[in-house]
N, C-alpha and C. Protein backbone atom coordinates (compact mmCIF):
# COMPACT_ATOMS: atom_id res chain seq x y z
N MET A 1 13.93 8.97 15.46
CA MET A 1 14.55 8.07 14.96
C MET A 1 13.99 6.92 15.76
N VAL A 2 14.02 5.85 14.70
CA VAL A 2 13.15 4.66 14.33
C VAL A 2 13.79 3.46 15.52
N LYS A 3 13.54 2.90 16.61
CA LYS A 3 13.83 2.47 17.59
C LYS A 3 14.11 0.72 17.16
N ASN A 4 15.63 0.46 16.96
CA ASN A 4 15.78 -0.90 16.49
C ASN A 4 15.79 -2.39 16.97
N PHE A 5 14.56 -2.74 17.18
CA PHE A 5 13.92 -3.90 18.05
C PHE A 5 15.29 -4.89 17.66
N TYR A 6 15.88 -5.02 16.95
CA TYR A 6 17.06 -6.46 16.85
C TYR A 6 17.61 -5.77 17.42
N GLN A 7 18.19 -4.93 17.73
CA GLN A 7 19.53 -4.18 18.53
C GLN A 7 18.83 -4.23 20.10
N ALA A 8 17.98 -4.33 20.25
CA ALA A 8 17.38 -4.14 21.44
C ALA A 8 16.99 -5.48 21.93
N LEU A 9 16.94 -6.82 21.42
CA LEU A 9 17.05 -8.74 21.52
C LEU A 9 18.66 -8.83 21.77
N GLY A 10 19.52 -8.10 21.18
CA GLY A 10 20.83 -8.72 20.43
C GLY A 10 20.92 -9.95 19.21
N VAL A 11 19.77 -9.64 17.99
CA VAL A 11 19.28 -10.95 17.16
C VAL A 11 19.98 -10.03 15.52
N ASP A 12 20.23 -10.76 15.24
CA ASP A 12 20.36 -10.18 13.24
C ASP A 12 19.39 -9.92 12.91
N ARG A 13 19.45 -9.29 11.75
CA ARG A 13 17.80 -9.18 11.36
C ARG A 13 17.13 -10.37 11.01
N LYS A 14 18.08 -11.30 10.10
CA LYS A 14 17.19 -12.73 9.55
C LYS A 14 17.12 -13.14 10.67
N ALA A 15 17.58 -13.15 11.94
CA ALA A 15 17.00 -14.44 13.20
C ALA A 15 14.95 -14.98 12.75
N THR A 16 16.01 -16.15 13.12
CA THR A 16 14.05 -17.41 12.44
C THR A 16 13.31 -16.75 14.23
N PRO A 17 11.89 -17.32 13.74
CA PRO A 17 10.99 -16.68 15.02
C PRO A 17 11.65 -17.53 16.04
N ALA A 18 12.17 -18.79 16.19
CA ALA A 18 12.28 -19.71 17.25
C ALA A 18 13.72 -19.07 17.71
N GLU A 19 14.55 -18.56 17.24
CA GLU A 19 15.75 -17.73 17.87
C GLU A 19 15.49 -16.57 18.14
N ILE A 20 14.51 -15.72 18.14
CA ILE A 20 14.36 -14.54 18.96
C ILE A 20 13.88 -14.84 19.57
N THR A 21 12.23 -16.12 19.96
CA THR A 21 12.26 -16.34 21.00
C THR A 21 12.89 -16.87 22.52
N ALA A 22 14.05 -17.83 21.44
CA ALA A 22 14.79 -18.32 22.78
C ALA A 22 15.92 -17.06 23.40
N ARG A 23 16.28 -15.94 22.30
CA ARG A 23 16.60 -14.68 22.73
C ARG A 23 15.82 -14.46 24.19
N PHE A 24 15.05 -13.83 24.18
CA PHE A 24 13.61 -13.29 24.90
C PHE A 24 13.53 -13.94 26.32
N ARG A 25 13.92 -14.66 25.68
CA ARG A 25 13.75 -16.07 26.98
C ARG A 25 14.97 -16.08 27.59
N ASP A 26 15.84 -15.82 26.79
CA ASP A 26 17.09 -15.73 28.11
C ASP A 26 17.25 -13.99 28.86
N LEU A 27 17.13 -13.40 27.64
CA LEU A 27 17.01 -12.03 28.55
C LEU A 27 15.89 -11.98 29.66
N VAL A 28 15.19 -12.22 29.24
CA VAL A 28 13.92 -12.52 30.24
C VAL A 28 14.29 -13.06 32.04
N ARG A 29 15.38 -13.93 31.73
CA ARG A 29 15.73 -14.57 32.89
C ARG A 29 17.28 -13.71 33.54
N GLU A 30 17.52 -13.24 32.59
CA GLU A 30 18.65 -12.56 32.94
C GLU A 30 18.42 -11.02 33.49
N ARG A 31 17.51 -10.73 32.95
CA ARG A 31 16.74 -8.51 33.14
C ARG A 31 15.64 -8.75 34.08
N HIS A 32 14.99 -9.85 34.48
CA HIS A 32 14.02 -9.85 35.18
C HIS A 32 13.96 -8.69 36.74
N PRO A 33 13.01 -7.83 36.63
CA PRO A 33 13.68 -6.94 38.00
C PRO A 33 13.44 -7.76 39.26
N ASP A 34 13.05 -9.14 39.26
CA ASP A 34 12.54 -9.33 40.63
C ASP A 34 13.75 -9.68 41.08
N ARG A 35 15.09 -9.87 39.87
CA ARG A 35 16.28 -10.83 40.38
C ARG A 35 17.23 -9.02 41.47
N PHE A 36 16.61 -8.09 40.95
CA PHE A 36 17.16 -7.18 41.40
C PHE A 36 17.02 -6.23 42.40
N ASP A 37 18.01 -4.79 43.57
CA ASP A 37 17.12 -4.01 44.04
C ASP A 37 17.18 -2.83 44.07
N GLY A 38 16.95 -1.61 44.74
CA GLY A 38 17.50 -0.25 44.21
C GLY A 38 17.51 0.32 43.17
N GLU A 39 18.17 0.98 42.99
CA GLU A 39 18.10 1.62 41.29
C GLU A 39 18.46 0.53 40.64
N GLU A 40 19.45 -0.64 40.20
CA GLU A 40 19.20 -1.52 39.31
C GLU A 40 17.88 -2.25 39.13
N LYS A 41 17.09 -2.03 40.03
CA LYS A 41 15.66 -2.32 40.42
C LYS A 41 15.20 -1.99 39.02
N LEU A 42 15.19 -0.62 39.03
CA LEU A 42 14.80 0.13 38.52
C LEU A 42 15.15 0.06 37.03
N LYS A 43 16.09 0.41 36.39
CA LYS A 43 17.28 0.11 35.68
C LYS A 43 16.57 -0.92 34.16
N ALA A 44 16.39 -2.34 35.70
CA ALA A 44 16.00 -3.55 35.06
C ALA A 44 14.41 -3.85 34.75
N GLU A 45 13.61 -2.33 35.61
CA GLU A 45 12.49 -2.80 34.98
C GLU A 45 12.17 -2.37 33.42
N LYS A 46 12.95 -0.43 33.51
CA LYS A 46 13.27 -0.25 31.50
C LYS A 46 14.18 -1.58 30.71
N ASP A 47 14.69 -1.84 31.06
CA ASP A 47 15.41 -2.87 30.25
C ASP A 47 14.22 -4.05 30.15
N PHE A 48 13.48 -4.96 30.93
CA PHE A 48 12.63 -5.94 30.76
C PHE A 48 11.30 -4.76 29.76
N GLN A 49 10.37 -3.62 29.88
CA GLN A 49 9.96 -2.92 29.34
C GLN A 49 10.38 -2.81 27.57
N ASP A 50 11.51 -2.83 27.57
CA ASP A 50 11.73 -2.72 25.86
C ASP A 50 12.25 -3.95 25.28
N ILE A 51 12.63 -5.28 25.94
CA ILE A 51 12.84 -6.25 25.70
C ILE A 51 11.65 -6.79 25.31
N THR A 52 10.18 -6.60 25.80
CA THR A 52 8.64 -7.06 25.96
C THR A 52 8.61 -6.23 24.64
N GLU A 53 8.96 -5.29 24.31
CA GLU A 53 8.09 -4.15 23.15
C GLU A 53 8.77 -5.14 22.01
N ALA A 54 9.97 -5.38 21.20
CA ALA A 54 10.55 -5.51 20.64
C ALA A 54 9.92 -7.03 20.50
N PHE A 55 10.17 -7.90 21.79
CA PHE A 55 10.09 -9.10 20.96
C PHE A 55 8.14 -9.69 20.73
N ASN A 56 7.31 -8.33 20.82
CA ASN A 56 6.10 -8.20 20.59
C ASN A 56 6.27 -7.67 19.55
N VAL A 57 6.73 -7.13 18.78
CA VAL A 57 7.05 -6.81 17.49
C VAL A 57 7.57 -7.83 16.72
N LEU A 58 8.64 -7.89 17.39
CA LEU A 58 9.45 -9.07 16.35
C LEU A 58 8.43 -10.78 15.71
N ARG A 59 7.30 -10.91 17.13
CA ARG A 59 7.36 -12.57 17.00
C ARG A 59 6.09 -12.25 15.83
N ASP A 60 5.14 -11.02 15.52
CA ASP A 60 4.17 -11.08 14.86
C ASP A 60 4.93 -10.61 13.50
N THR A 61 4.27 -11.24 12.40
CA THR A 61 4.76 -11.65 10.73
C THR A 61 4.61 -9.88 10.74
N ARG A 62 3.62 -9.23 10.77
CA ARG A 62 3.03 -8.31 9.91
C ARG A 62 3.45 -7.10 10.76
N ARG A 63 3.80 -7.01 11.77
CA ARG A 63 4.59 -6.04 12.72
C ARG A 63 5.82 -5.89 12.30
N ARG A 64 6.40 -7.01 12.45
CA ARG A 64 7.65 -7.27 12.05
C ARG A 64 8.42 -6.94 10.43
N ALA A 65 7.28 -7.01 9.80
CA ALA A 65 7.47 -6.74 8.18
C ALA A 65 7.50 -4.80 8.17
N GLN A 66 7.15 -4.78 9.02
CA GLN A 66 6.49 -2.96 8.78
C GLN A 66 7.76 -2.54 9.70
N HIS A 67 8.76 -3.22 10.78
CA HIS A 67 9.50 -2.85 11.37
C HIS A 67 10.83 -2.92 10.35
N ASP A 68 10.59 -3.60 9.20
CA ASP A 68 12.26 -3.96 8.52
C ASP A 68 11.55 -2.57 7.64
N MET A 69 10.33 -2.50 7.47
CA MET A 69 9.95 -1.67 6.33
C MET A 69 11.30 0.39 7.06
N ASP A 70 10.82 0.12 8.03
CA ASP A 70 10.48 1.64 9.34
C ASP A 70 12.22 1.66 8.60
N LEU A 71 13.17 0.59 8.97
CA LEU A 71 14.41 0.50 8.83
C LEU A 71 14.88 0.63 7.52
N ASP A 72 14.65 0.42 6.75
CA ASP A 72 14.95 0.41 5.66
C ASP A 72 14.66 2.09 5.23
N ARG A 73 13.69 2.90 5.74
CA ARG A 73 13.38 4.39 5.27
C ARG A 73 14.64 5.21 5.34
N PRO A 74 15.05 5.92 4.10
CA PRO A 74 16.29 6.05 4.00
C PRO A 74 16.06 7.42 5.27
N VAL A 75 17.12 7.49 5.95
CA VAL A 75 17.58 8.80 6.32
C VAL A 75 17.01 10.20 6.11
N GLY A 76 16.07 10.69 7.21
CA GLY A 76 15.66 12.12 6.89
C GLY A 76 14.63 12.26 5.65
N SER A 77 13.84 10.82 5.92
CA SER A 77 12.67 10.83 5.06
C SER A 77 11.57 10.62 6.01
N GLN A 78 11.56 11.07 7.17
CA GLN A 78 11.15 10.98 8.35
C GLN A 78 10.30 12.74 8.02
N HIS A 79 10.92 13.49 7.47
CA HIS A 79 11.12 14.93 7.44
C HIS A 79 10.83 15.32 6.12
N ASP A 80 10.69 14.06 5.08
CA ASP A 80 10.97 15.12 4.06
C ASP A 80 9.49 14.07 3.20
N PRO A 81 7.76 14.11 3.45
CA PRO A 81 6.77 13.24 3.01
C PRO A 81 6.93 13.17 1.60
N SER A 82 7.67 13.32 0.56
CA SER A 82 7.57 13.00 -0.59
C SER A 82 8.84 12.12 -0.75
N GLN A 83 9.77 12.05 -0.04
CA GLN A 83 11.12 11.19 -0.50
C GLN A 83 10.28 9.99 0.49
N THR A 84 9.21 10.17 1.72
CA THR A 84 9.05 8.87 2.02
C THR A 84 7.89 8.14 1.32
N ALA A 85 6.57 9.02 0.50
CA ALA A 85 5.65 8.81 -0.56
C ALA A 85 6.55 7.56 -1.52
N LYS A 86 7.70 8.34 -1.97
CA LYS A 86 8.55 7.51 -2.70
C LYS A 86 8.55 6.36 -2.58
N VAL A 87 9.58 6.05 -1.31
CA VAL A 87 9.77 4.82 -0.67
C VAL A 87 8.43 4.07 -0.59
N TYR A 88 7.39 4.51 -0.38
CA TYR A 88 6.57 2.96 -0.04
C TYR A 88 5.87 3.05 -1.59
N MET A 89 5.92 3.99 -2.44
CA MET A 89 5.50 3.63 -3.50
C MET A 89 6.68 2.84 -4.83
N SER A 90 7.87 2.62 -4.77
CA SER A 90 8.49 1.89 -4.78
C SER A 90 8.47 0.53 -4.88
N ARG A 91 8.29 0.05 -3.45
CA ARG A 91 7.74 -1.17 -2.83
C ARG A 91 6.33 -1.60 -3.44
N GLY A 92 5.57 -0.62 -3.43
CA GLY A 92 4.42 -1.26 -3.62
C GLY A 92 4.07 -1.15 -5.11
N VAL A 93 4.71 -0.96 -5.73
CA VAL A 93 4.95 -1.18 -7.35
C VAL A 93 5.88 -2.56 -7.45
N ARG A 94 6.75 -3.37 -6.71
CA ARG A 94 7.70 -4.20 -7.04
C ARG A 94 6.57 -5.25 -6.29
N ALA A 95 6.07 -4.98 -5.22
CA ALA A 95 4.54 -5.99 -4.74
C ALA A 95 3.43 -6.29 -6.03
N PHE A 96 2.90 -5.31 -6.33
CA PHE A 96 2.18 -5.27 -7.11
C PHE A 96 2.56 -6.12 -8.85
N LYS A 97 3.86 -5.83 -8.86
CA LYS A 97 4.30 -6.71 -10.23
C LYS A 97 4.33 -8.17 -9.65
N ALA A 98 4.81 -8.57 -8.60
CA ALA A 98 5.23 -9.69 -7.53
C ALA A 98 3.71 -10.63 -7.63
N GLY A 99 2.60 -9.72 -7.94
CA GLY A 99 1.80 -10.27 -7.77
C GLY A 99 0.79 -10.39 -5.85
N ASN A 100 1.38 -9.49 -4.99
CA ASN A 100 1.28 -9.45 -4.01
C ASN A 100 0.34 -8.75 -3.35
N HIS A 101 -1.24 -8.33 -3.45
CA HIS A 101 -1.70 -6.76 -3.64
C HIS A 101 -2.49 -6.57 -2.26
N ILE A 102 -2.16 -7.32 -1.41
CA ILE A 102 -1.87 -7.00 0.21
C ILE A 102 -0.87 -6.01 0.54
N GLU A 103 0.29 -6.15 0.26
CA GLU A 103 1.38 -5.89 0.45
C GLU A 103 1.48 -4.10 -0.02
N ALA A 104 1.10 -4.35 -1.68
CA ALA A 104 0.86 -3.22 -2.93
C ALA A 104 0.18 -2.14 -1.99
N ALA A 105 -0.81 -2.95 -1.94
CA ALA A 105 -2.21 -2.03 -0.85
C ALA A 105 -1.59 -1.22 0.17
N ASP A 106 -1.33 -2.25 1.26
CA ASP A 106 -0.48 -1.52 2.15
C ASP A 106 0.76 -0.41 1.69
N ASN A 107 1.76 -0.43 1.49
CA ASN A 107 2.61 0.28 0.90
C ASN A 107 1.66 1.80 -0.13
N PHE A 108 1.22 1.64 -0.63
CA PHE A 108 0.49 2.73 -1.42
C PHE A 108 -0.66 3.31 -0.46
N ASP A 109 -1.38 2.93 0.00
CA ASP A 109 -1.94 3.57 1.93
C ASP A 109 -0.89 4.47 2.14
N ARG A 110 0.11 4.16 2.63
CA ARG A 110 0.83 4.59 3.59
C ARG A 110 1.73 5.69 2.66
N ALA A 111 1.75 5.79 0.93
CA ALA A 111 2.12 6.93 0.39
C ALA A 111 0.93 7.71 0.66
N THR A 112 -0.12 6.93 0.02
CA THR A 112 -1.10 8.85 0.33
C THR A 112 -1.08 9.04 2.04
N GLN A 113 -1.26 8.48 2.52
CA GLN A 113 -1.00 9.24 3.87
C GLN A 113 0.63 9.94 4.32
N ALA A 114 1.69 9.46 3.59
CA ALA A 114 2.62 10.26 3.49
C ALA A 114 2.65 11.86 3.04
N GLU A 115 1.79 11.70 1.63
CA GLU A 115 2.08 13.25 0.36
C GLU A 115 0.16 12.79 0.20
N PRO A 116 -0.57 13.21 0.46
CA PRO A 116 -2.23 13.26 0.32
C PRO A 116 -2.15 13.42 -0.93
N GLY A 117 -1.35 14.95 -1.08
CA GLY A 117 -1.88 15.98 -2.57
C GLY A 117 -0.72 15.27 -3.46
N ASN A 118 -0.66 13.75 -3.99
CA ASN A 118 0.29 13.29 -5.20
C ASN A 118 -1.10 12.58 -5.43
N ALA A 119 -1.36 12.84 -6.34
CA ALA A 119 -2.52 12.24 -7.19
C ALA A 119 -1.76 10.46 -7.88
N GLN A 120 -0.80 10.08 -8.23
CA GLN A 120 -0.42 9.44 -8.68
C GLN A 120 -0.53 8.17 -7.20
N THR A 121 0.55 8.82 -6.42
CA THR A 121 -0.44 7.60 -5.30
C THR A 121 -1.66 7.10 -4.64
N TRP A 122 -2.48 8.00 -5.37
CA TRP A 122 -3.89 7.59 -5.39
C TRP A 122 -4.40 6.77 -6.14
N HIS A 123 -3.83 6.91 -7.18
CA HIS A 123 -3.93 6.47 -8.93
C HIS A 123 -3.43 4.63 -8.73
N HIS A 124 -2.09 4.62 -7.74
CA HIS A 124 -1.69 3.10 -8.05
C HIS A 124 -2.36 2.68 -6.65
N LEU A 125 -3.20 3.11 -5.16
CA LEU A 125 -4.04 2.60 -4.79
C LEU A 125 -5.14 1.73 -5.22
N ALA A 126 -5.66 3.03 -5.77
CA ALA A 126 -6.91 2.54 -6.60
C ALA A 126 -7.04 1.46 -7.77
N LEU A 127 -5.83 1.70 -8.24
CA LEU A 127 -5.26 0.21 -8.64
C LEU A 127 -5.07 -1.56 -8.62
N THR A 128 -4.45 -1.51 -7.69
CA THR A 128 -4.29 -2.11 -6.59
C THR A 128 -5.67 -2.71 -6.37
N CYS A 129 -6.32 -2.34 -5.17
CA CYS A 129 -7.68 -1.96 -5.15
C CYS A 129 -8.38 -3.06 -6.04
N TYR A 130 -8.63 -2.23 -7.58
CA TYR A 130 -9.28 -3.16 -8.11
C TYR A 130 -9.10 -4.60 -8.26
N GLN A 131 -8.13 -5.04 -8.59
CA GLN A 131 -7.63 -6.26 -8.31
C GLN A 131 -8.60 -6.59 -7.26
N GLU A 132 -8.99 -6.95 -6.72
CA GLU A 132 -10.27 -7.81 -5.21
C GLU A 132 -11.18 -6.96 -5.78
N GLU A 133 -12.09 -7.99 -5.12
CA GLU A 133 -13.39 -7.78 -5.04
C GLU A 133 -14.03 -6.77 -4.17
N ARG A 134 -13.38 -7.72 -2.62
CA ARG A 134 -13.57 -7.09 -1.31
C ARG A 134 -12.92 -5.77 -1.25
N TRP A 135 -11.46 -5.14 -2.17
CA TRP A 135 -11.61 -3.90 -2.36
C TRP A 135 -12.39 -2.64 -2.81
N LEU A 136 -13.28 -2.92 -3.66
CA LEU A 136 -13.75 -1.93 -4.94
C LEU A 136 -14.26 -0.66 -4.05
N ASP A 137 -14.75 -0.75 -2.66
CA ASP A 137 -15.15 0.55 -1.78
C ASP A 137 -13.85 1.55 -2.45
N LYS A 138 -13.22 0.85 -1.31
CA LYS A 138 -11.41 1.54 -1.27
C LYS A 138 -10.82 2.04 -2.98
N ALA A 139 -11.39 1.41 -3.87
CA ALA A 139 -10.81 1.93 -5.13
C ALA A 139 -11.72 2.72 -5.49
N ARG A 140 -12.66 2.85 -5.65
CA ARG A 140 -13.54 3.78 -5.71
C ARG A 140 -13.24 5.56 -5.25
N GLU A 141 -13.23 5.30 -4.04
CA GLU A 141 -12.52 6.34 -3.48
C GLU A 141 -11.29 7.00 -3.23
N ALA A 142 -10.45 6.16 -3.51
CA ALA A 142 -8.41 6.28 -4.59
C ALA A 142 -8.45 6.87 -5.81
N ILE A 143 -9.47 6.58 -6.67
CA ILE A 143 -9.41 7.05 -7.83
C ILE A 143 -10.44 8.70 -8.06
N GLU A 144 -11.17 8.25 -7.27
CA GLU A 144 -11.38 10.03 -6.99
C GLU A 144 -11.13 10.87 -6.26
N GLN A 145 -10.18 10.46 -5.33
CA GLN A 145 -9.55 11.56 -5.27
C GLN A 145 -8.28 11.97 -6.25
N ALA A 146 -7.68 10.51 -6.98
CA ALA A 146 -6.89 10.88 -8.01
C ALA A 146 -7.33 12.15 -8.81
N MET A 147 -8.67 11.79 -9.63
CA MET A 147 -9.00 12.63 -9.80
C MET A 147 -9.69 14.18 -9.56
N LYS A 148 -9.28 14.63 -8.19
CA LYS A 148 -9.57 15.43 -7.88
C LYS A 148 -8.29 16.02 -7.36
N LEU A 149 -7.17 15.54 -7.89
CA LEU A 149 -6.26 16.35 -8.12
C LEU A 149 -5.56 16.52 -9.35
N LYS A 150 -6.07 15.13 -9.93
CA LYS A 150 -5.49 16.09 -11.56
C LYS A 150 -6.65 15.32 -12.94
N ALA A 151 -7.65 16.15 -12.40
CA ALA A 151 -8.53 16.51 -13.70
C ALA A 151 -8.46 16.01 -14.76
N ASP A 152 -9.31 15.30 -15.37
CA ASP A 152 -9.00 14.11 -16.85
C ASP A 152 -8.29 13.87 -17.68
N HIS A 153 -7.24 13.25 -16.46
CA HIS A 153 -6.41 12.68 -16.75
C HIS A 153 -6.49 11.22 -17.38
N THR A 154 -6.42 11.18 -18.80
CA THR A 154 -7.01 9.66 -19.30
C THR A 154 -6.90 8.81 -18.66
N PRO A 155 -5.55 8.42 -18.26
CA PRO A 155 -5.07 6.99 -17.43
C PRO A 155 -6.35 6.86 -15.89
N TYR A 156 -6.49 7.80 -15.58
CA TYR A 156 -7.53 8.12 -14.31
C TYR A 156 -8.58 7.70 -14.53
N VAL A 157 -9.10 8.59 -15.84
CA VAL A 157 -10.63 8.28 -15.97
C VAL A 157 -10.49 6.89 -16.66
N LYS A 158 -9.72 6.52 -17.37
CA LYS A 158 -10.31 4.88 -17.98
C LYS A 158 -10.37 4.10 -17.12
N LEU A 159 -9.34 4.38 -15.57
CA LEU A 159 -9.30 3.41 -14.65
C LEU A 159 -10.72 3.43 -13.77
N ALA A 160 -10.83 4.30 -13.65
CA ALA A 160 -12.26 5.23 -12.77
C ALA A 160 -13.76 3.74 -13.70
N ALA A 161 -13.15 3.94 -14.87
CA ALA A 161 -14.63 3.50 -15.82
C ALA A 161 -14.56 1.80 -15.14
N ARG A 162 -13.59 1.61 -15.25
CA ARG A 162 -13.43 -0.21 -15.13
C ARG A 162 -13.42 -0.52 -13.31
N ILE A 163 -13.11 0.79 -12.49
CA ILE A 163 -13.95 0.32 -10.99
C ILE A 163 -14.91 -0.25 -11.09
N TYR A 164 -16.06 1.12 -11.69
CA TYR A 164 -17.12 1.34 -11.46
C TYR A 164 -17.89 0.50 -12.54
N LEU A 165 -17.13 0.21 -13.37
CA LEU A 165 -18.31 -1.21 -14.11
C LEU A 165 -17.84 -2.10 -13.37
N LYS A 166 -16.75 -2.83 -12.47
CA LYS A 166 -16.84 -4.01 -12.15
C LYS A 166 -17.33 -3.92 -10.55
N SER A 167 -17.75 -2.10 -9.89
CA SER A 167 -18.35 -2.41 -9.07
C SER A 167 -19.90 -2.81 -8.89
N GLY A 168 -20.41 -2.86 -10.40
CA GLY A 168 -21.72 -3.34 -10.99
C GLY A 168 -22.32 -1.17 -10.62
N MET A 169 -21.94 -0.46 -11.54
CA MET A 169 -22.30 0.80 -11.11
C MET A 169 -22.35 1.03 -12.27
N VAL A 170 -22.96 0.25 -13.32
CA VAL A 170 -23.39 1.03 -14.57
C VAL A 170 -23.35 2.22 -15.54
N PRO A 171 -24.79 3.01 -14.60
CA PRO A 171 -24.17 4.57 -15.35
C PRO A 171 -23.12 5.52 -14.88
N LYS A 172 -22.37 5.05 -13.56
CA LYS A 172 -21.38 5.77 -13.34
C LYS A 172 -19.94 5.77 -14.42
N ALA A 173 -20.11 3.77 -14.43
CA ALA A 173 -19.53 3.42 -15.45
C ALA A 173 -19.54 4.19 -16.99
N LYS A 174 -20.74 4.41 -17.73
CA LYS A 174 -20.42 4.34 -19.06
C LYS A 174 -20.52 6.51 -18.56
N GLU A 175 -20.84 6.79 -17.39
CA GLU A 175 -20.61 8.32 -17.24
C GLU A 175 -18.57 8.53 -17.66
N TYR A 176 -18.37 7.86 -16.95
CA TYR A 176 -16.48 7.87 -17.15
C TYR A 176 -15.81 7.22 -18.58
N TYR A 177 -16.56 6.06 -18.82
CA TYR A 177 -16.14 5.80 -20.52
C TYR A 177 -16.80 7.00 -21.48
N ASN A 178 -18.36 7.63 -21.16
CA ASN A 178 -18.28 8.76 -22.41
C ASN A 178 -17.18 10.07 -21.70
N SER A 179 -16.84 9.85 -20.73
CA SER A 179 -15.48 11.08 -20.58
C SER A 179 -14.54 10.96 -20.84
N LEU A 180 -14.15 9.92 -20.93
CA LEU A 180 -12.74 8.85 -21.78
C LEU A 180 -12.67 9.20 -23.06
N LEU A 181 -14.27 8.73 -23.79
CA LEU A 181 -13.83 9.34 -25.31
C LEU A 181 -13.94 10.85 -25.79
N ARG A 182 -14.34 11.59 -24.94
CA ARG A 182 -14.09 12.94 -25.17
C ARG A 182 -13.08 13.21 -24.77
N LEU A 183 -11.92 12.71 -24.17
CA LEU A 183 -10.25 12.97 -23.62
C LEU A 183 -9.25 12.72 -24.72
N GLY A 184 -10.45 12.01 -26.19
CA GLY A 184 -9.70 11.23 -27.48
C GLY A 184 -9.12 9.82 -26.63
N GLY A 185 -9.57 9.16 -25.42
CA GLY A 185 -9.11 8.19 -25.26
C GLY A 185 -9.75 6.55 -25.38
N SER A 186 -10.17 5.29 -25.12
CA SER A 186 -10.67 4.85 -25.56
C SER A 186 -10.47 3.62 -24.59
N ASP A 187 -11.29 2.23 -24.47
CA ASP A 187 -11.16 0.83 -23.56
C ASP A 187 -12.59 0.08 -24.20
N ALA A 188 -11.97 -0.70 -25.21
CA ALA A 188 -12.53 -2.08 -26.11
C ALA A 188 -13.05 -2.22 -24.70
N MET A 189 -12.40 -3.13 -23.34
CA MET A 189 -13.20 -3.74 -22.65
C MET A 189 -14.11 -3.10 -21.84
N VAL A 190 -14.05 -1.94 -21.58
CA VAL A 190 -15.33 -1.18 -21.47
C VAL A 190 -16.40 -0.74 -21.71
N ARG A 191 -16.05 -0.62 -23.24
CA ARG A 191 -17.23 -0.57 -24.47
C ARG A 191 -17.69 -1.64 -24.35
N GLN A 192 -17.24 -3.15 -24.75
CA GLN A 192 -17.92 -4.58 -25.10
C GLN A 192 -18.64 -4.60 -23.66
N ALA A 193 -18.61 -3.99 -22.67
CA ALA A 193 -18.91 -4.98 -21.67
C ALA A 193 -20.46 -4.06 -21.33
N LEU A 194 -20.75 -2.54 -21.84
CA LEU A 194 -21.58 -1.58 -21.55
C LEU A 194 -22.08 -1.72 -22.70
N GLU A 195 -21.76 -2.45 -23.64
CA GLU A 195 -22.74 -3.09 -25.00
C GLU A 195 -23.69 -3.94 -23.95
N ALA A 196 -23.04 -5.00 -23.75
CA ALA A 196 -23.18 -5.99 -23.30
C ALA A 196 -24.63 -5.69 -22.93
N LYS A 197 -24.56 -4.68 -22.02
CA LYS A 197 -25.49 -4.76 -20.97
C LYS A 197 -26.81 -3.85 -21.28
N GLY A 198 -26.59 -3.06 -22.78
CA GLY A 198 -27.58 -2.24 -22.79
C GLY A 198 -27.40 -1.20 -22.58
N ALA A 199 -25.83 -0.59 -21.96
CA ALA A 199 -26.21 0.28 -22.22
C ALA A 199 -24.94 1.59 -23.12
N LEU A 200 -24.93 0.92 -24.23
CA LEU A 200 -24.68 1.86 -25.29
C LEU A 200 -25.71 1.66 -26.19
N GLY A 201 -25.44 2.29 -26.90
CA GLY A 201 -25.57 2.40 -28.61
C GLY A 201 -24.99 1.54 -29.42
N PRO A 202 -25.30 1.40 -30.68
CA PRO A 202 -24.79 0.62 -31.46
C PRO A 202 -23.07 1.43 -31.82
N LYS A 203 -22.47 0.60 -32.02
CA LYS A 203 -21.16 0.44 -31.98
C LYS A 203 -20.29 2.03 -33.33
N LYS A 204 -19.97 2.38 -33.07
CA LYS A 204 -19.55 3.60 -34.01
C LYS A 204 -18.15 3.45 -34.59
N SER A 205 -17.00 3.05 -33.62
CA SER A 205 -15.64 2.92 -34.03
C SER A 205 -14.90 2.01 -33.38
N ALA A 206 -13.88 1.24 -34.07
CA ALA A 206 -13.02 0.26 -33.50
C ALA A 206 -12.39 0.40 -32.66
N GLU A 207 -11.93 0.78 -31.34
CA GLU A 207 -11.09 0.37 -30.44
C GLU A 207 -10.02 -0.85 -29.92
N SER A 208 -9.12 -0.45 -30.00
CA SER A 208 -8.43 -1.34 -29.35
C SER A 208 -7.95 -1.73 -28.28
N ARG A 209 -7.73 -3.26 -27.91
CA ARG A 209 -7.57 -3.69 -26.52
C ARG A 209 -6.64 -3.10 -25.75
N GLN A 210 -6.72 -2.69 -24.19
CA GLN A 210 -6.03 -2.01 -23.47
C GLN A 210 -6.05 -2.89 -22.16
N SER A 211 -4.77 -3.49 -21.30
CA SER A 211 -4.88 -4.14 -20.40
C SER A 211 -4.62 -3.28 -19.02
N THR A 212 -4.16 -3.94 -17.59
CA THR A 212 -4.04 -2.98 -17.09
C THR A 212 -2.71 -3.34 -16.25
N SER A 213 -1.57 -4.01 -18.04
CA SER A 213 -0.16 -4.27 -17.74
C SER A 213 0.97 -2.72 -18.14
N GLY A 214 0.03 -1.41 -18.05
CA GLY A 214 0.82 -0.58 -18.28
C GLY A 214 0.70 0.71 -17.40
N PHE A 215 -0.23 0.07 -16.55
CA PHE A 215 -0.42 1.59 -15.79
C PHE A 215 1.05 1.80 -15.07
N PHE A 216 2.06 1.20 -15.18
CA PHE A 216 2.87 1.37 -13.86
C PHE A 216 3.87 2.58 -14.95
N ARG A 217 3.69 2.78 -16.20
CA ARG A 217 4.72 3.38 -17.08
C ARG A 217 4.53 4.87 -16.46
N LYS A 218 5.48 5.79 -17.05
CA LYS A 218 5.82 7.17 -16.50
C LYS A 218 4.73 7.96 -17.32
N THR A 219 4.22 8.60 -16.66
CA THR A 219 3.23 9.45 -17.75
C THR A 219 3.55 11.29 -17.17
N ARG A 220 3.28 11.94 -18.17
CA ARG A 220 3.63 13.40 -18.24
C ARG A 220 2.91 13.86 -17.46
């Protein structure tokens, strides 16, 4: 059962940082162990620990956001990894579409932890990390894991080619691009980039442009 730190402090979930701080100070004055003796002192010490823990979480923006997510998690999901992963995936997709890559990556990463055997969670994490140069190492790791779980899946191979190309790893990008062609897929962006680097021979067939905008469509 997840602790509710809002209840511990007696504040609303919409409380501002100033309201949380003010409430904490009031409780410290009321429940400080030094004001009590005997058994009441022991109880006050426990209460003081609880309100301090609650305050330390709620005053930290990132920890508070995670606490809110934990409170919103469906009942029973703690014992159902697939349900937990589904919740994080849904939040990740919303964040990705809103352009919040940090929140999206955090949610997709949590989804992979909840259900590491789900290839889609790894794909979504790879796609999100692909958007940020500093996360390309993680993007490569995630897409490789996705393809281990679901080999020869065209969208995954296509993303792998893009990730390795963006990472400057041209031979690996070419390898995945050729695999993509063998699977009947195509990617004009990768082809043109490889041609520009002299990694491909003369163009043999036209390919339509494709973007990442449809990566979150359902696939069979």
